Amino acid sequence: MAKITYVEHGGKEHVVDVANGLTVMEGARDNGIPGIEADCGGACACSTCHVYVDAAWVEKVPAKDAMEEDMLDFAFEPNAETSRLTCQIKVTDALDGLRVQMPEKQI
């Protein structure tokens, strides 16, 4: 289980416990956190679960694969260093304390 902080674009924080094996996107969806739409349900077929990973966590989350890199091209204002699709980040104990910031909008 990992405690993850989801930060809305306006600054409101949501701190939730997410079970190991789920994705960061599923943690947001299951806890009703606004700002992560996840239109494709986690299939890495859209960019509506885009977030910016806190700089302190960029090196700690698993690396992006080519499919995620491609989908991030469709995200709103992607950042080469910090942008991630939350459907592609599996939760483990190692992610306890992870902070992610939602963009202004999802497209």
PDB file of N, CA and C in Angstrom:
ATOM      1  N   MET A   1       0.859  -1.173   0.000  1.00  0.00           N
ATOM      2  CA  MET A   1       0.000   0.000   0.000  1.00  0.00           C
ATOM      3  C   MET A   1       0.899   1.227   0.000  1.00  0.00           C
ATOM      4  N   ALA A   2       0.503   2.208  -0.789  1.00  0.00           N
ATOM      5  CA  ALA A   2       1.261   3.457  -0.850  1.00  0.00           C
ATOM      6  C   ALA A   2       0.319   4.634  -0.651  1.00  0.00           C
ATOM      7  N   LYS A   3       0.794   5.616   0.092  1.00  0.00           N
ATOM      8  CA  LYS A   3       0.060   6.862   0.255  1.00  0.00           C
ATOM      9  C   LYS A   3       0.502   7.774  -0.886  1.00  0.00           C
ATOM     10  N   ILE A   4      -0.468   8.186  -1.711  1.00  0.00           N
ATOM     11  CA  ILE A   4      -0.175   9.019  -2.872  1.00  0.00           C
ATOM     12  C   ILE A   4      -0.922  10.334  -2.730  1.00  0.00           C
ATOM     13  N   THR A   5      -0.236  11.418  -3.046  1.00  0.00           N
ATOM     14  CA  THR A   5      -0.831  12.749  -3.013  1.00  0.00           C
ATOM     15  C   THR A   5      -1.095  13.201  -4.437  1.00  0.00           C
ATOM     16  N   TYR A   6      -2.360  13.436  -4.722  1.00  0.00           N
ATOM     17  CA  TYR A   6      -2.803  13.961  -6.013  1.00  0.00           C
ATOM     18  C   TYR A   6      -3.095  15.442  -5.805  1.00  0.00           C
ATOM     19  N   VAL A   7      -2.473  16.297  -6.609  1.00  0.00           N
ATOM     20  CA  VAL A   7      -2.642  17.733  -6.455  1.00  0.00           C
ATOM     21  C   VAL A   7      -3.386  18.270  -7.677  1.00  0.00           C
ATOM     22  N   GLU A   8      -4.567  18.832  -7.420  1.00  0.00           N
ATOM     23  CA  GLU A   8      -5.333  19.429  -8.511  1.00  0.00           C
ATOM     24  C   GLU A   8      -4.587  20.645  -9.055  1.00  0.00           C
ATOM     25  N   HIS A   9      -4.931  21.046 -10.276  1.00  0.00           N
ATOM     26  CA  HIS A   9      -4.275  22.202 -10.888  1.00  0.00           C
ATOM     27  C   HIS A   9      -4.369  23.436 -10.005  1.00  0.00           C
ATOM     28  N   GLY A  10      -5.473  23.617  -9.326  1.00  0.00           N
ATOM     29  CA  GLY A  10      -5.661  24.764  -8.444  1.00  0.00           C
ATOM     30  C   GLY A  10      -4.947  24.664  -7.105  1.00  0.00           C
ATOM     31  N   GLY A  11      -4.344  23.509  -6.817  1.00  0.00           N
ATOM     32  CA  GLY A  11      -3.571  23.350  -5.589  1.00  0.00           C
ATOM     33  C   GLY A  11      -4.186  22.467  -4.524  1.00  0.00           C
ATOM     34  N   LYS A  12      -5.473  22.120  -4.665  1.00  0.00           N
ATOM     35  CA  LYS A  12      -6.109  21.265  -3.656  1.00  0.00           C
ATOM     36  C   LYS A  12      -5.468  19.878  -3.686  1.00  0.00           C
ATOM     37  N   GLU A  13      -5.124  19.384  -2.511  1.00  0.00           N
ATOM     38  CA  GLU A  13      -4.458  18.090  -2.396  1.00  0.00           C
ATOM     39  C   GLU A  13      -5.418  17.008  -1.916  1.00  0.00           C
ATOM     40  N   HIS A  14      -5.225  15.818  -2.449  1.00  0.00           N
ATOM     41  CA  HIS A  14      -5.966  14.623  -2.047  1.00  0.00           C
ATOM     42  C   HIS A  14      -4.925  13.564  -1.705  1.00  0.00           C
ATOM     43  N   VAL A  15      -4.885  13.134  -0.465  1.00  0.00           N
ATOM     44  CA  VAL A  15      -3.939  12.109  -0.035  1.00  0.00           C
ATOM     45  C   VAL A  15      -4.728  10.833   0.199  1.00  0.00           C
ATOM     46  N   VAL A  16      -4.388   9.787  -0.550  1.00  0.00           N
ATOM     47  CA  VAL A  16      -5.132   8.532  -0.448  1.00  0.00           C
ATOM     48  C   VAL A  16      -4.179   7.345  -0.388  1.00  0.00           C
ATOM     49  N   ASP A  17      -4.658   6.280   0.223  1.00  0.00           N
ATOM     50  CA  ASP A  17      -3.936   5.016   0.223  1.00  0.00           C
ATOM     51  C   ASP A  17      -4.359   4.238  -1.013  1.00  0.00           C
ATOM     52  N   VAL A  18      -3.375   3.750  -1.766  1.00  0.00           N
ATOM     53  CA  VAL A  18      -3.645   2.980  -2.971  1.00  0.00           C
ATOM     54  C   VAL A  18      -2.979   1.617  -2.814  1.00  0.00           C
ATOM     55  N   ALA A  19      -3.745   0.573  -3.054  1.00  0.00           N
ATOM     56  CA  ALA A  19      -3.241  -0.789  -2.884  1.00  0.00           C
ATOM     57  C   ALA A  19      -2.183  -1.129  -3.926  1.00  0.00           C
ATOM     58  N   ASN A  20      -1.204  -1.916  -3.494  1.00  0.00           N
ATOM     59  CA  ASN A  20      -0.192  -2.408  -4.418  1.00  0.00           C
ATOM     60  C   ASN A  20      -0.864  -3.180  -5.550  1.00  0.00           C
ATOM     61  N   GLY A  21      -0.312  -3.030  -6.750  1.00  0.00           N
ATOM     62  CA  GLY A  21      -0.845  -3.727  -7.912  1.00  0.00           C
ATOM     63  C   GLY A  21      -1.805  -2.888  -8.722  1.00  0.00           C
ATOM     64  N   LEU A  22      -2.441  -1.906  -8.095  1.00  0.00           N
ATOM     65  CA  LEU A  22      -3.275  -0.971  -8.845  1.00  0.00           C
ATOM     66  C   LEU A  22      -2.363   0.035  -9.534  1.00  0.00           C
ATOM     67  N   THR A  23      -2.933   0.823 -10.431  1.00  0.00           N
ATOM     68  CA  THR A  23      -2.162   1.908 -11.024  1.00  0.00           C
ATOM     69  C   THR A  23      -2.492   3.204 -10.301  1.00  0.00           C
ATOM     70  N   VAL A  24      -1.654   4.209 -10.508  1.00  0.00           N
ATOM     71  CA  VAL A  24      -1.911   5.523  -9.927  1.00  0.00           C
ATOM     72  C   VAL A  24      -3.239   6.058 -10.465  1.00  0.00           C
ATOM     73  N   MET A  25      -3.560   5.760 -11.714  1.00  0.00           N
ATOM     74  CA  MET A  25      -4.851   6.161 -12.300  1.00  0.00           C
ATOM     75  C   MET A  25      -6.007   5.485 -11.579  1.00  0.00           C
ATOM     76  N   GLU A  26      -5.902   4.197 -11.312  1.00  0.00           N
ATOM     77  CA  GLU A  26      -6.978   3.485 -10.621  1.00  0.00           C
ATOM     78  C   GLU A  26      -7.171   4.039  -9.210  1.00  0.00           C
ATOM     79  N   GLY A  27      -6.085   4.440  -8.565  1.00  0.00           N
ATOM     80  CA  GLY A  27      -6.186   5.057  -7.253  1.00  0.00           C
ATOM     81  C   GLY A  27      -6.991   6.345  -7.299  1.00  0.00           C
ATOM     82  N   ALA A  28      -6.774   7.146  -8.335  1.00  0.00           N
ATOM     83  CA  ALA A  28      -7.533   8.393  -8.499  1.00  0.00           C
ATOM     84  C   ALA A  28      -8.995   8.087  -8.804  1.00  0.00           C
ATOM     85  N   ARG A  29      -9.220   7.184  -9.739  1.00  0.00           N
ATOM     86  CA  ARG A  29     -10.591   6.828 -10.128  1.00  0.00           C
ATOM     87  C   ARG A  29     -11.376   6.264  -8.956  1.00  0.00           C
ATOM     88  N   ASP A  30     -10.780   5.345  -8.240  1.00  0.00           N
ATOM     89  CA  ASP A  30     -11.474   4.675  -7.135  1.00  0.00           C
ATOM     90  C   ASP A  30     -11.763   5.603  -5.963  1.00  0.00           C
ATOM     91  N   ASN A  31     -11.043   6.712  -5.888  1.00  0.00           N
ATOM     92  CA  ASN A  31     -11.224   7.660  -4.793  1.00  0.00           C
ATOM     93  C   ASN A  31     -11.881   8.958  -5.232  1.00  0.00           C
ATOM     94  N   GLY A  32     -12.411   8.990  -6.455  1.00  0.00           N
ATOM     95  CA  GLY A  32     -13.162  10.142  -6.938  1.00  0.00           C
ATOM     96  C   GLY A  32     -12.352  11.423  -7.042  1.00  0.00           C
ATOM     97  N   ILE A  33     -11.085  11.291  -7.373  1.00  0.00           N
ATOM     98  CA  ILE A  33     -10.228  12.465  -7.459  1.00  0.00           C
ATOM     99  C   ILE A  33     -10.426  13.139  -8.812  1.00  0.00           C
ATOM    100  N   PRO A  34     -10.791  14.424  -8.800  1.00  0.00           N
ATOM    101  CA  PRO A  34     -10.999  15.134 -10.059  1.00  0.00           C
ATOM    102  C   PRO A  34      -9.679  15.453 -10.749  1.00  0.00           C
ATOM    103  N   GLY A  35      -9.735  15.551 -12.078  1.00  0.00           N
ATOM    104  CA  GLY A  35      -8.556  15.944 -12.838  1.00  0.00           C
ATOM    105  C   GLY A  35      -7.892  14.815 -13.585  1.00  0.00           C
ATOM    106  N   ILE A  36      -8.268  13.583 -13.290  1.00  0.00           N
ATOM    107  CA  ILE A  36      -7.783  12.424 -14.034  1.00  0.00           C
ATOM    108  C   ILE A  36      -9.011  11.749 -14.618  1.00  0.00           C
ATOM    109  N   GLU A  37      -9.192  11.911 -15.928  1.00  0.00           N
ATOM    110  CA  GLU A  37     -10.406  11.415 -16.576  1.00  0.00           C
ATOM    111  C   GLU A  37     -10.314   9.947 -16.967  1.00  0.00           C
ATOM    112  N   ALA A  38      -9.165   9.507 -17.455  1.00  0.00           N
ATOM    113  CA  ALA A  38      -8.936   8.097 -17.804  1.00  0.00           C
ATOM    114  C   ALA A  38      -9.986   7.556 -18.762  1.00  0.00           C
ATOM    115  N   ASP A  39     -10.202   8.267 -19.850  1.00  0.00           N
ATOM    116  CA  ASP A  39     -11.237   7.884 -20.819  1.00  0.00           C
ATOM    117  C   ASP A  39     -11.074   6.475 -21.372  1.00  0.00           C
ATOM    118  N   CYS A  40      -9.840   6.000 -21.540  1.00  0.00           N
ATOM    119  CA  CYS A  40      -9.640   4.673 -22.137  1.00  0.00           C
ATOM    120  C   CYS A  40      -9.631   3.565 -21.093  1.00  0.00           C
ATOM    121  N   GLY A  41      -9.775   3.916 -19.826  1.00  0.00           N
ATOM    122  CA  GLY A  41      -9.838   2.913 -18.777  1.00  0.00           C
ATOM    123  C   GLY A  41      -8.506   2.285 -18.411  1.00  0.00           C
ATOM    124  N   GLY A  42      -7.419   2.863 -18.872  1.00  0.00           N
ATOM    125  CA  GLY A  42      -6.108   2.347 -18.494  1.00  0.00           C
ATOM    126  C   GLY A  42      -5.393   1.573 -19.574  1.00  0.00           C
ATOM    127  N   ALA A  43      -5.854   1.682 -20.816  1.00  0.00           N
ATOM    128  CA  ALA A  43      -5.265   0.928 -21.923  1.00  0.00           C
ATOM    129  C   ALA A  43      -4.119   1.652 -22.620  1.00  0.00           C
ATOM    130  N   CYS A  44      -3.722   2.797 -22.104  1.00  0.00           N
ATOM    131  CA  CYS A  44      -2.670   3.625 -22.712  1.00  0.00           C
ATOM    132  C   CYS A  44      -3.052   3.980 -24.147  1.00  0.00           C
ATOM    133  N   ALA A  45      -4.339   4.318 -24.319  1.00  0.00           N
ATOM    134  CA  ALA A  45      -4.852   4.658 -25.645  1.00  0.00           C
ATOM    135  C   ALA A  45      -5.362   6.095 -25.711  1.00  0.00           C
ATOM    136  N   CYS A  46      -5.121   6.869 -24.663  1.00  0.00           N
ATOM    137  CA  CYS A  46      -5.482   8.282 -24.648  1.00  0.00           C
ATOM    138  C   CYS A  46      -4.470   8.981 -23.741  1.00  0.00           C
ATOM    139  N   SER A  47      -4.650  10.231 -23.501  1.00  0.00           N
ATOM    140  CA  SER A  47      -3.722  10.934 -22.598  1.00  0.00           C
ATOM    141  C   SER A  47      -4.474  11.628 -21.475  1.00  0.00           C
ATOM    142  N   THR A  48      -5.670  11.145 -21.153  1.00  0.00           N
ATOM    143  CA  THR A  48      -6.511  11.844 -20.183  1.00  0.00           C
ATOM    144  C   THR A  48      -6.241  11.460 -18.728  1.00  0.00           C
ATOM    145  N   CYS A  49      -5.134  10.776 -18.484  1.00  0.00           N
ATOM    146  CA  CYS A  49      -4.698  10.513 -17.106  1.00  0.00           C
ATOM    147  C   CYS A  49      -3.306  11.109 -16.889  1.00  0.00           C
ATOM    148  N   HIS A  50      -2.989  12.091 -17.705  1.00  0.00           N
ATOM    149  CA  HIS A  50      -1.689  12.771 -17.656  1.00  0.00           C
ATOM    150  C   HIS A  50      -1.499  13.524 -16.339  1.00  0.00           C
ATOM    151  N   VAL A  51      -0.305  13.409 -15.778  1.00  0.00           N
ATOM    152  CA  VAL A  51       0.092  14.177 -14.597  1.00  0.00           C
ATOM    153  C   VAL A  51       1.550  14.587 -14.738  1.00  0.00           C
ATOM    154  N   TYR A  52       1.954  15.498 -13.855  1.00  0.00           N
ATOM    155  CA  TYR A  52       3.356  15.844 -13.699  1.00  0.00           C
ATOM    156  C   TYR A  52       3.824  15.214 -12.391  1.00  0.00           C
ATOM    157  N   VAL A  53       4.809  14.333 -12.478  1.00  0.00           N
ATOM    158  CA  VAL A  53       5.358  13.694 -11.285  1.00  0.00           C
ATOM    159  C   VAL A  53       6.265  14.696 -10.586  1.00  0.00           C
ATOM    160  N   ASP A  54       6.117  14.802  -9.279  1.00  0.00           N
ATOM    161  CA  ASP A  54       6.966  15.692  -8.492  1.00  0.00           C
ATOM    162  C   ASP A  54       8.433  15.394  -8.803  1.00  0.00           C
ATOM    163  N   ALA A  55       9.232  16.449  -8.927  1.00  0.00           N
ATOM    164  CA  ALA A  55      10.641  16.308  -9.315  1.00  0.00           C
ATOM    165  C   ALA A  55      11.401  15.326  -8.425  1.00  0.00           C
ATOM    166  N   ALA A  56      11.073  15.269  -7.150  1.00  0.00           N
ATOM    167  CA  ALA A  56      11.750  14.353  -6.228  1.00  0.00           C
ATOM    168  C   ALA A  56      11.450  12.888  -6.536  1.00  0.00           C
ATOM    169  N   TRP A  57      10.424  12.634  -7.328  1.00  0.00           N
ATOM    170  CA  TRP A  57       9.985  11.270  -7.615  1.00  0.00           C
ATOM    171  C   TRP A  57      10.290  10.806  -9.032  1.00  0.00           C
ATOM    172  N   VAL A  58      10.727  11.696  -9.895  1.00  0.00           N
ATOM    173  CA  VAL A  58      10.932  11.353 -11.311  1.00  0.00           C
ATOM    174  C   VAL A  58      11.832  10.133 -11.483  1.00  0.00           C
ATOM    175  N   GLU A  59      12.906  10.071 -10.745  1.00  0.00           N
ATOM    176  CA  GLU A  59      13.850   8.947 -10.867  1.00  0.00           C
ATOM    177  C   GLU A  59      13.388   7.692 -10.135  1.00  0.00           C
ATOM    178  N   LYS A  60      12.362   7.812  -9.302  1.00  0.00           N
ATOM    179  CA  LYS A  60      11.908   6.688  -8.489  1.00  0.00           C
ATOM    180  C   LYS A  60      10.779   5.895  -9.133  1.00  0.00           C
ATOM    181  N   VAL A  61      10.052   6.506 -10.066  1.00  0.00           N
ATOM    182  CA  VAL A  61       8.977   5.777 -10.741  1.00  0.00           C
ATOM    183  C   VAL A  61       9.581   4.985 -11.898  1.00  0.00           C
ATOM    184  N   PRO A  62       8.960   3.871 -12.263  1.00  0.00           N
ATOM    185  CA  PRO A  62       9.479   3.094 -13.392  1.00  0.00           C
ATOM    186  C   PRO A  62       9.547   3.946 -14.663  1.00  0.00           C
ATOM    187  N   ALA A  63      10.490   3.632 -15.515  1.00  0.00           N
ATOM    188  CA  ALA A  63      10.702   4.388 -16.752  1.00  0.00           C
ATOM    189  C   ALA A  63       9.511   4.261 -17.699  1.00  0.00           C
ATOM    190  N   LYS A  64       9.330   5.272 -18.540  1.00  0.00           N
ATOM    191  CA  LYS A  64       8.290   5.260 -19.574  1.00  0.00           C
ATOM    192  C   LYS A  64       8.697   4.282 -20.673  1.00  0.00           C
ATOM    193  N   ASP A  65       7.710   3.596 -21.234  1.00  0.00           N
ATOM    194  CA  ASP A  65       7.998   2.788 -22.414  1.00  0.00           C
ATOM    195  C   ASP A  65       7.623   3.599 -23.666  1.00  0.00           C
ATOM    196  N   ALA A  66       7.903   3.048 -24.833  1.00  0.00           N
ATOM    197  CA  ALA A  66       7.693   3.773 -26.091  1.00  0.00           C
ATOM    198  C   ALA A  66       6.227   4.135 -26.310  1.00  0.00           C
ATOM    199  N   MET A  67       5.303   3.250 -25.937  1.00  0.00           N
ATOM    200  CA  MET A  67       3.882   3.523 -26.139  1.00  0.00           C
ATOM    201  C   MET A  67       3.442   4.725 -25.288  1.00  0.00           C
ATOM    202  N   GLU A  68       3.887   4.779 -24.043  1.00  0.00           N
ATOM    203  CA  GLU A  68       3.545   5.910 -23.187  1.00  0.00           C
ATOM    204  C   GLU A  68       4.149   7.198 -23.738  1.00  0.00           C
ATOM    205  N   GLU A  69       5.393   7.144 -24.180  1.00  0.00           N
ATOM    206  CA  GLU A  69       6.041   8.322 -24.785  1.00  0.00           C
ATOM    207  C   GLU A  69       5.202   8.849 -25.943  1.00  0.00           C
ATOM    208  N   ASP A  70       4.732   7.938 -26.795  1.00  0.00           N
ATOM    209  CA  ASP A  70       3.918   8.338 -27.949  1.00  0.00           C
ATOM    210  C   ASP A  70       2.612   8.990 -27.516  1.00  0.00           C
ATOM    211  N   MET A  71       1.944   8.425 -26.522  1.00  0.00           N
ATOM    212  CA  MET A  71       0.663   8.969 -26.079  1.00  0.00           C
ATOM    213  C   MET A  71       0.834  10.326 -25.390  1.00  0.00           C
ATOM    214  N   LEU A  72       1.960  10.547 -24.753  1.00  0.00           N
ATOM    215  CA  LEU A  72       2.195  11.832 -24.100  1.00  0.00           C
ATOM    216  C   LEU A  72       2.273  12.989 -25.096  1.00  0.00           C
ATOM    217  N   ASP A  73       2.539  12.668 -26.370  1.00  0.00           N
ATOM    218  CA  ASP A  73       2.527  13.706 -27.404  1.00  0.00           C
ATOM    219  C   ASP A  73       1.147  14.345 -27.528  1.00  0.00           C
ATOM    220  N   PHE A  74       0.103  13.641 -27.101  1.00  0.00           N
ATOM    221  CA  PHE A  74      -1.269  14.127 -27.207  1.00  0.00           C
ATOM    222  C   PHE A  74      -1.757  14.813 -25.922  1.00  0.00           C
ATOM    223  N   ALA A  75      -0.938  14.807 -24.888  1.00  0.00           N
ATOM    224  CA  ALA A  75      -1.315  15.392 -23.600  1.00  0.00           C
ATOM    225  C   ALA A  75      -1.262  16.917 -23.662  1.00  0.00           C
ATOM    226  N   PHE A  76      -1.978  17.549 -22.732  1.00  0.00           N
ATOM    227  CA  PHE A  76      -1.961  18.997 -22.609  1.00  0.00           C
ATOM    228  C   PHE A  76      -0.643  19.430 -21.972  1.00  0.00           C
ATOM    229  N   GLU A  77       0.112  20.235 -22.679  1.00  0.00           N
ATOM    230  CA  GLU A  77       1.379  20.796 -22.209  1.00  0.00           C
ATOM    231  C   GLU A  77       2.278  19.762 -21.519  1.00  0.00           C
ATOM    232  N   PRO A  78       2.684  18.713 -22.253  1.00  0.00           N
ATOM    233  CA  PRO A  78       3.563  17.716 -21.649  1.00  0.00           C
ATOM    234  C   PRO A  78       4.942  18.290 -21.326  1.00  0.00           C
ATOM    235  N   ASN A  79       5.539  17.744 -20.296  1.00  0.00           N
ATOM    236  CA  ASN A  79       6.894  18.111 -19.889  1.00  0.00           C
ATOM    237  C   ASN A  79       7.756  16.867 -20.064  1.00  0.00           C
ATOM    238  N   ALA A  80       8.818  16.980 -20.831  1.00  0.00           N
ATOM    239  CA  ALA A  80       9.648  15.815 -21.158  1.00  0.00           C
ATOM    240  C   ALA A  80      10.190  15.099 -19.918  1.00  0.00           C
ATOM    241  N   GLU A  81      10.427  15.837 -18.863  1.00  0.00           N
ATOM    242  CA  GLU A  81      11.013  15.241 -17.660  1.00  0.00           C
ATOM    243  C   GLU A  81       9.975  14.680 -16.689  1.00  0.00           C
ATOM    244  N   THR A  82       8.861  15.391 -16.509  1.00  0.00           N
ATOM    245  CA  THR A  82       7.952  15.039 -15.414  1.00  0.00           C
ATOM    246  C   THR A  82       6.603  14.468 -15.843  1.00  0.00           C
ATOM    247  N   SER A  83       6.238  14.573 -17.115  1.00  0.00           N
ATOM    248  CA  SER A  83       4.930  14.088 -17.551  1.00  0.00           C
ATOM    249  C   SER A  83       4.880  12.566 -17.571  1.00  0.00           C
ATOM    250  N   ARG A  84       3.773  12.050 -17.054  1.00  0.00           N
ATOM    251  CA  ARG A  84       3.524  10.605 -17.073  1.00  0.00           C
ATOM    252  C   ARG A  84       2.037  10.363 -17.259  1.00  0.00           C
ATOM    253  N   LEU A  85       1.717   9.171 -17.751  1.00  0.00           N
ATOM    254  CA  LEU A  85       0.339   8.700 -17.792  1.00  0.00           C
ATOM    255  C   LEU A  85       0.164   7.808 -16.569  1.00  0.00           C
ATOM    256  N   THR A  86      -0.789   8.160 -15.724  1.00  0.00           N
ATOM    257  CA  THR A  86      -0.939   7.436 -14.463  1.00  0.00           C
ATOM    258  C   THR A  86      -1.388   5.992 -14.648  1.00  0.00           C
ATOM    259  N   CYS A  87      -1.958   5.685 -15.808  1.00  0.00           N
ATOM    260  CA  CYS A  87      -2.356   4.293 -16.060  1.00  0.00           C
ATOM    261  C   CYS A  87      -1.147   3.387 -16.248  1.00  0.00           C
ATOM    262  N   GLN A  88       0.020   3.973 -16.426  1.00  0.00           N
ATOM    263  CA  GLN A  88       1.231   3.195 -16.679  1.00  0.00           C
ATOM    264  C   GLN A  88       2.150   3.103 -15.462  1.00  0.00           C
ATOM    265  N   ILE A  89       1.710   3.629 -14.329  1.00  0.00           N
ATOM    266  CA  ILE A  89       2.527   3.566 -13.112  1.00  0.00           C
ATOM    267  C   ILE A  89       1.854   2.621 -12.121  1.00  0.00           C
ATOM    268  N   LYS A  90       2.429   1.440 -11.957  1.00  0.00           N
ATOM    269  CA  LYS A  90       1.912   0.460 -10.994  1.00  0.00           C
ATOM    270  C   LYS A  90       2.356   0.831  -9.587  1.00  0.00           C
ATOM    271  N   VAL A  91       1.440   0.736  -8.666  1.00  0.00           N
ATOM    272  CA  VAL A  91       1.712   1.082  -7.272  1.00  0.00           C
ATOM    273  C   VAL A  91       2.418  -0.076  -6.568  1.00  0.00           C
ATOM    274  N   THR A  92       3.479   0.287  -5.864  1.00  0.00           N
ATOM    275  CA  THR A  92       4.214  -0.633  -4.991  1.00  0.00           C
ATOM    276  C   THR A  92       4.537   0.127  -3.709  1.00  0.00           C
ATOM    277  N   ASP A  93       5.040  -0.586  -2.715  1.00  0.00           N
ATOM    278  CA  ASP A  93       5.451   0.070  -1.471  1.00  0.00           C
ATOM    279  C   ASP A  93       6.497   1.151  -1.737  1.00  0.00           C
ATOM    280  N   ALA A  94       7.305   0.977  -2.778  1.00  0.00           N
ATOM    281  CA  ALA A  94       8.368   1.934  -3.102  1.00  0.00           C
ATOM    282  C   ALA A  94       7.809   3.302  -3.503  1.00  0.00           C
ATOM    283  N   LEU A  95       6.517   3.361  -3.852  1.00  0.00           N
ATOM    284  CA  LEU A  95       5.917   4.633  -4.255  1.00  0.00           C
ATOM    285  C   LEU A  95       5.206   5.340  -3.102  1.00  0.00           C
ATOM    286  N   ASP A  96       5.373   4.832  -1.884  1.00  0.00           N
ATOM    287  CA  ASP A  96       4.754   5.475  -0.733  1.00  0.00           C
ATOM    288  C   ASP A  96       5.280   6.910  -0.607  1.00  0.00           C
ATOM    289  N   GLY A  97       4.366   7.883  -0.661  1.00  0.00           N
ATOM    290  CA  GLY A  97       4.737   9.292  -0.598  1.00  0.00           C
ATOM    291  C   GLY A  97       4.750   9.991  -1.946  1.00  0.00           C
ATOM    292  N   LEU A  98       4.484   9.265  -3.015  1.00  0.00           N
ATOM    293  CA  LEU A  98       4.475   9.845  -4.368  1.00  0.00           C
ATOM    294  C   LEU A  98       3.533  11.044  -4.438  1.00  0.00           C
ATOM    295  N   ARG A  99       3.982  12.095  -5.131  1.00  0.00           N
ATOM    296  CA  ARG A  99       3.162  13.296  -5.369  1.00  0.00           C
ATOM    297  C   ARG A  99       3.052  13.498  -6.875  1.00  0.00           C
ATOM    298  N   VAL A 100       1.812  13.708  -7.330  1.00  0.00           N
ATOM    299  CA  VAL A 100       1.572  14.009  -8.734  1.00  0.00           C
ATOM    300  C   VAL A 100       0.674  15.238  -8.839  1.00  0.00           C
ATOM    301  N   GLN A 101       0.939  16.060  -9.836  1.00  0.00           N
ATOM    302  CA  GLN A 101       0.188  17.301 -10.069  1.00  0.00           C
ATOM    303  C   GLN A 101      -0.592  17.153 -11.370  1.00  0.00           C
ATOM    304  N   MET A 102      -1.875  17.454 -11.326  1.00  0.00           N
ATOM    305  CA  MET A 102      -2.690  17.397 -12.533  1.00  0.00           C
ATOM    306  C   MET A 102      -2.439  18.642 -13.384  1.00  0.00           C
ATOM    307  N   PRO A 103      -2.515  18.480 -14.707  1.00  0.00           N
ATOM    308  CA  PRO A 103      -2.401  19.645 -15.574  1.00  0.00           C
ATOM    309  C   PRO A 103      -3.658  20.510 -15.500  1.00  0.00           C
ATOM    310  N   GLU A 104      -3.619  21.634 -16.154  1.00  0.00           N
ATOM    311  CA  GLU A 104      -4.776  22.538 -16.180  1.00  0.00           C
ATOM    312  C   GLU A 104      -6.005  21.855 -16.745  1.00  0.00           C
ATOM    313  N   LYS A 105      -5.807  21.004 -17.743  1.00  0.00           N
ATOM    314  CA  LYS A 105      -6.907  20.246 -18.335  1.00  0.00           C
ATOM    315  C   LYS A 105      -6.369  18.984 -18.970  1.00  0.00           C
ATOM    316  N   GLN A 106      -7.275  18.071 -19.258  1.00  0.00           N
ATOM    317  CA  GLN A 106      -6.944  16.847 -19.986  1.00  0.00           C
ATOM    318  C   GLN A 106      -7.521  16.974 -21.386  1.00  0.00           C
ATOM    319  N   ILE A 107      -6.782  16.490 -22.375  1.00  0.00           N
ATOM    320  CA  ILE A 107      -7.307  16.521 -23.753  1.00  0.00           C
ATOM    321  C   ILE A 107      -7.185  15.162 -24.395  1.00  0.00           C
TER     322      ILE A 107
END
